Amino acid sequence: MRIRLSKDAALFLRSEQRYLERFNPRAAEAVLRQLRGSMRLLLDYPQAGSPIEALEGRRRFVSGEYVIDYRMEKGILSVSHIRHGRQLPPDLLADAPADEGN
């Protein structure tokens, strides 16, 4: 079994690490360690996340302040998105209202 990150998920991890390192390198390492641990947990317990109703076969797992969207296929944990819990889920971004303060 293995973990495969989408380009979006890998980009988020890199940018979040860089951002956190500017303020607290130890916190950056702790967050990455936590997220890697959560993904390893999902390899063993793929049903741990909640189903995403709008996306058949996909699940969402909360890891501390972060959210991991994934699916399990043929022993591969495919992570499509990782985001901070305060960010909108990717499937809702298209529905977000445009800024009306122009």
C-alpha atoms as a PDB file:
ATOM      1  CA  MET A   1       0.000   0.000   0.000  1.00  0.00           C
ATOM      2  CA  ARG A   2       1.155   3.497  -0.774  1.00  0.00           C
ATOM      3  CA  ILE A   3       0.145   7.148  -0.765  1.00  0.00           C
ATOM      4  CA  ARG A   4      -0.223   9.244  -3.903  1.00  0.00           C
ATOM      5  CA  LEU A   5      -0.618  13.024  -3.621  1.00  0.00           C
ATOM      6  CA  SER A   6      -2.252  15.083  -6.350  1.00  0.00           C
ATOM      7  CA  LYS A   7      -0.351  18.125  -7.585  1.00  0.00           C
ATOM      8  CA  ASP A   8      -2.723  20.326  -5.564  1.00  0.00           C
ATOM      9  CA  ALA A   9      -2.124  18.354  -2.356  1.00  0.00           C
ATOM     10  CA  ALA A  10       1.660  18.336  -2.809  1.00  0.00           C
ATOM     11  CA  LEU A  11       1.663  22.075  -3.598  1.00  0.00           C
ATOM     12  CA  PHE A  12      -0.388  22.809  -0.482  1.00  0.00           C
ATOM     13  CA  LEU A  13       2.026  20.832   1.720  1.00  0.00           C
ATOM     14  CA  ARG A  14       5.046  22.678   0.310  1.00  0.00           C
ATOM     15  CA  SER A  15       3.472  26.115   0.581  1.00  0.00           C
ATOM     16  CA  GLU A  16       2.100  25.467   4.080  1.00  0.00           C
ATOM     17  CA  GLN A  17       5.518  24.254   5.222  1.00  0.00           C
ATOM     18  CA  ARG A  18       7.215  27.379   3.833  1.00  0.00           C
ATOM     19  CA  TYR A  19       4.604  29.636   5.404  1.00  0.00           C
ATOM     20  CA  LEU A  20       4.833  28.026   8.860  1.00  0.00           C
ATOM     21  CA  GLU A  21       8.652  27.886   8.778  1.00  0.00           C
ATOM     22  CA  ARG A  22       8.760  31.688   8.544  1.00  0.00           C
ATOM     23  CA  PHE A  23       7.136  31.930  11.976  1.00  0.00           C
ATOM     24  CA  ASN A  24       7.960  28.673  13.744  1.00  0.00           C
ATOM     25  CA  PRO A  25      10.089  25.927  12.160  1.00  0.00           C
ATOM     26  CA  ARG A  26       9.152  23.443  14.889  1.00  0.00           C
ATOM     27  CA  ALA A  27       5.457  23.997  14.255  1.00  0.00           C
ATOM     28  CA  ALA A  28       6.010  23.453  10.530  1.00  0.00           C
ATOM     29  CA  GLU A  29       7.680  20.105  11.189  1.00  0.00           C
ATOM     30  CA  ALA A  30       4.977  19.107  13.679  1.00  0.00           C
ATOM     31  CA  VAL A  31       2.197  19.846  11.182  1.00  0.00           C
ATOM     32  CA  LEU A  32       3.894  17.849   8.435  1.00  0.00           C
ATOM     33  CA  ARG A  33       4.526  14.969  10.829  1.00  0.00           C
ATOM     34  CA  GLN A  34       0.868  15.043  11.896  1.00  0.00           C
ATOM     35  CA  LEU A  35      -0.419  15.043   8.304  1.00  0.00           C
ATOM     36  CA  ARG A  36       1.921  12.224   7.255  1.00  0.00           C
ATOM     37  CA  GLY A  37       0.794  10.227  10.293  1.00  0.00           C
ATOM     38  CA  SER A  38      -2.846  10.786   9.397  1.00  0.00           C
ATOM     39  CA  MET A  39      -2.264   9.593   5.844  1.00  0.00           C
ATOM     40  CA  ARG A  40      -0.531   6.449   7.144  1.00  0.00           C
ATOM     41  CA  LEU A  41      -3.513   5.888   9.450  1.00  0.00           C
ATOM     42  CA  LEU A  42      -5.851   6.170   6.460  1.00  0.00           C
ATOM     43  CA  LEU A  43      -3.891   3.450   4.674  1.00  0.00           C
ATOM     44  CA  ASP A  44      -4.838   1.085   7.501  1.00  0.00           C
ATOM     45  CA  TYR A  45      -8.323   2.504   8.126  1.00  0.00           C
ATOM     46  CA  PRO A  46      -9.575   3.974   4.832  1.00  0.00           C
ATOM     47  CA  GLN A  47     -13.152   4.206   6.140  1.00  0.00           C
ATOM     48  CA  ALA A  48     -12.049   6.583   8.932  1.00  0.00           C
ATOM     49  CA  GLY A  49     -13.014   9.642   6.919  1.00  0.00           C
ATOM     50  CA  SER A  50     -16.558  10.804   6.297  1.00  0.00           C
ATOM     51  CA  PRO A  51     -18.015  10.221   2.816  1.00  0.00           C
ATOM     52  CA  ILE A  52     -18.240  13.301   0.599  1.00  0.00           C
ATOM     53  CA  GLU A  53     -21.784  13.092  -0.726  1.00  0.00           C
ATOM     54  CA  ALA A  54     -21.147  15.198  -3.833  1.00  0.00           C
ATOM     55  CA  LEU A  55     -18.121  13.115  -4.873  1.00  0.00           C
ATOM     56  CA  GLU A  56     -18.793   9.397  -4.988  1.00  0.00           C
ATOM     57  CA  GLY A  57     -15.982   7.288  -3.561  1.00  0.00           C
ATOM     58  CA  ARG A  58     -14.244  10.239  -1.920  1.00  0.00           C
ATOM     59  CA  ARG A  59     -13.862  10.766   1.805  1.00  0.00           C
ATOM     60  CA  ARG A  60     -12.840  13.644   4.064  1.00  0.00           C
ATOM     61  CA  PHE A  61     -10.663  13.213   7.167  1.00  0.00           C
ATOM     62  CA  VAL A  62      -9.962  15.909   9.750  1.00  0.00           C
ATOM     63  CA  SER A  63      -6.377  15.949  11.026  1.00  0.00           C
ATOM     64  CA  GLY A  64      -5.984  18.643  13.678  1.00  0.00           C
ATOM     65  CA  GLU A  65      -6.698  21.941  11.932  1.00  0.00           C
ATOM     66  CA  TYR A  66      -6.362  20.382   8.468  1.00  0.00           C
ATOM     67  CA  VAL A  67      -8.684  18.456   6.176  1.00  0.00           C
ATOM     68  CA  ILE A  68      -7.607  15.649   3.856  1.00  0.00           C
ATOM     69  CA  ASP A  69      -9.803  14.656   0.878  1.00  0.00           C
ATOM     70  CA  TYR A  70      -8.978  11.205  -0.461  1.00  0.00           C
ATOM     71  CA  ARG A  71     -10.099   7.937  -1.955  1.00  0.00           C
ATOM     72  CA  MET A  72      -8.698   4.428  -1.668  1.00  0.00           C
ATOM     73  CA  GLU A  73      -8.196   2.432  -4.868  1.00  0.00           C
ATOM     74  CA  LYS A  74      -6.402  -0.882  -5.240  1.00  0.00           C
ATOM     75  CA  GLY A  75      -4.293  -0.330  -2.134  1.00  0.00           C
ATOM     76  CA  ILE A  76      -3.363   3.244  -3.068  1.00  0.00           C
ATOM     77  CA  LEU A  77      -4.468   6.177  -0.930  1.00  0.00           C
ATOM     78  CA  SER A  78      -5.049   8.965  -3.479  1.00  0.00           C
ATOM     79  CA  VAL A  79      -5.080  12.339  -1.736  1.00  0.00           C
ATOM     80  CA  SER A  80      -6.770  14.928  -3.943  1.00  0.00           C
ATOM     81  CA  HIS A  81      -6.690  17.923  -1.580  1.00  0.00           C
ATOM     82  CA  ILE A  82      -5.267  19.005   1.742  1.00  0.00           C
ATOM     83  CA  ARG A  83      -6.360  22.317   3.198  1.00  0.00           C
ATOM     84  CA  HIS A  84      -6.609  24.236   6.434  1.00  0.00           C
ATOM     85  CA  GLY A  85     -10.030  23.773   8.019  1.00  0.00           C
ATOM     86  CA  ARG A  86     -10.778  27.497   7.669  1.00  0.00           C
ATOM     87  CA  GLN A  87     -10.480  27.303   3.894  1.00  0.00           C
ATOM     88  CA  LEU A  88     -13.477  26.441   1.730  1.00  0.00           C
ATOM     89  CA  PRO A  89     -13.614  22.856   0.492  1.00  0.00           C
ATOM     90  CA  PRO A  90     -12.526  22.608  -3.162  1.00  0.00           C
ATOM     91  CA  ASP A  91     -15.962  21.373  -4.259  1.00  0.00           C
ATOM     92  CA  LEU A  92     -17.550  24.561  -2.863  1.00  0.00           C
ATOM     93  CA  LEU A  93     -15.106  27.088  -4.309  1.00  0.00           C
ATOM     94  CA  ALA A  94     -17.014  27.298  -7.599  1.00  0.00           C
ATOM     95  CA  ASP A  95     -20.184  28.193  -5.676  1.00  0.00           C
ATOM     96  CA  ALA A  96     -18.589  30.988  -3.631  1.00  0.00           C
ATOM     97  CA  PRO A  97     -20.213  34.382  -4.293  1.00  0.00           C
ATOM     98  CA  ALA A  98     -18.176  36.875  -6.271  1.00  0.00           C
ATOM     99  CA  ASP A  99     -16.929  39.963  -4.462  1.00  0.00           C
ATOM    100  CA  GLU A 100     -19.738  42.490  -4.790  1.00  0.00           C
ATOM    101  CA  GLY A 101     -17.696  45.396  -3.437  1.00  0.00           C
ATOM    102  CA  ASN A 102     -16.261  46.432  -6.823  1.00  0.00           C
END
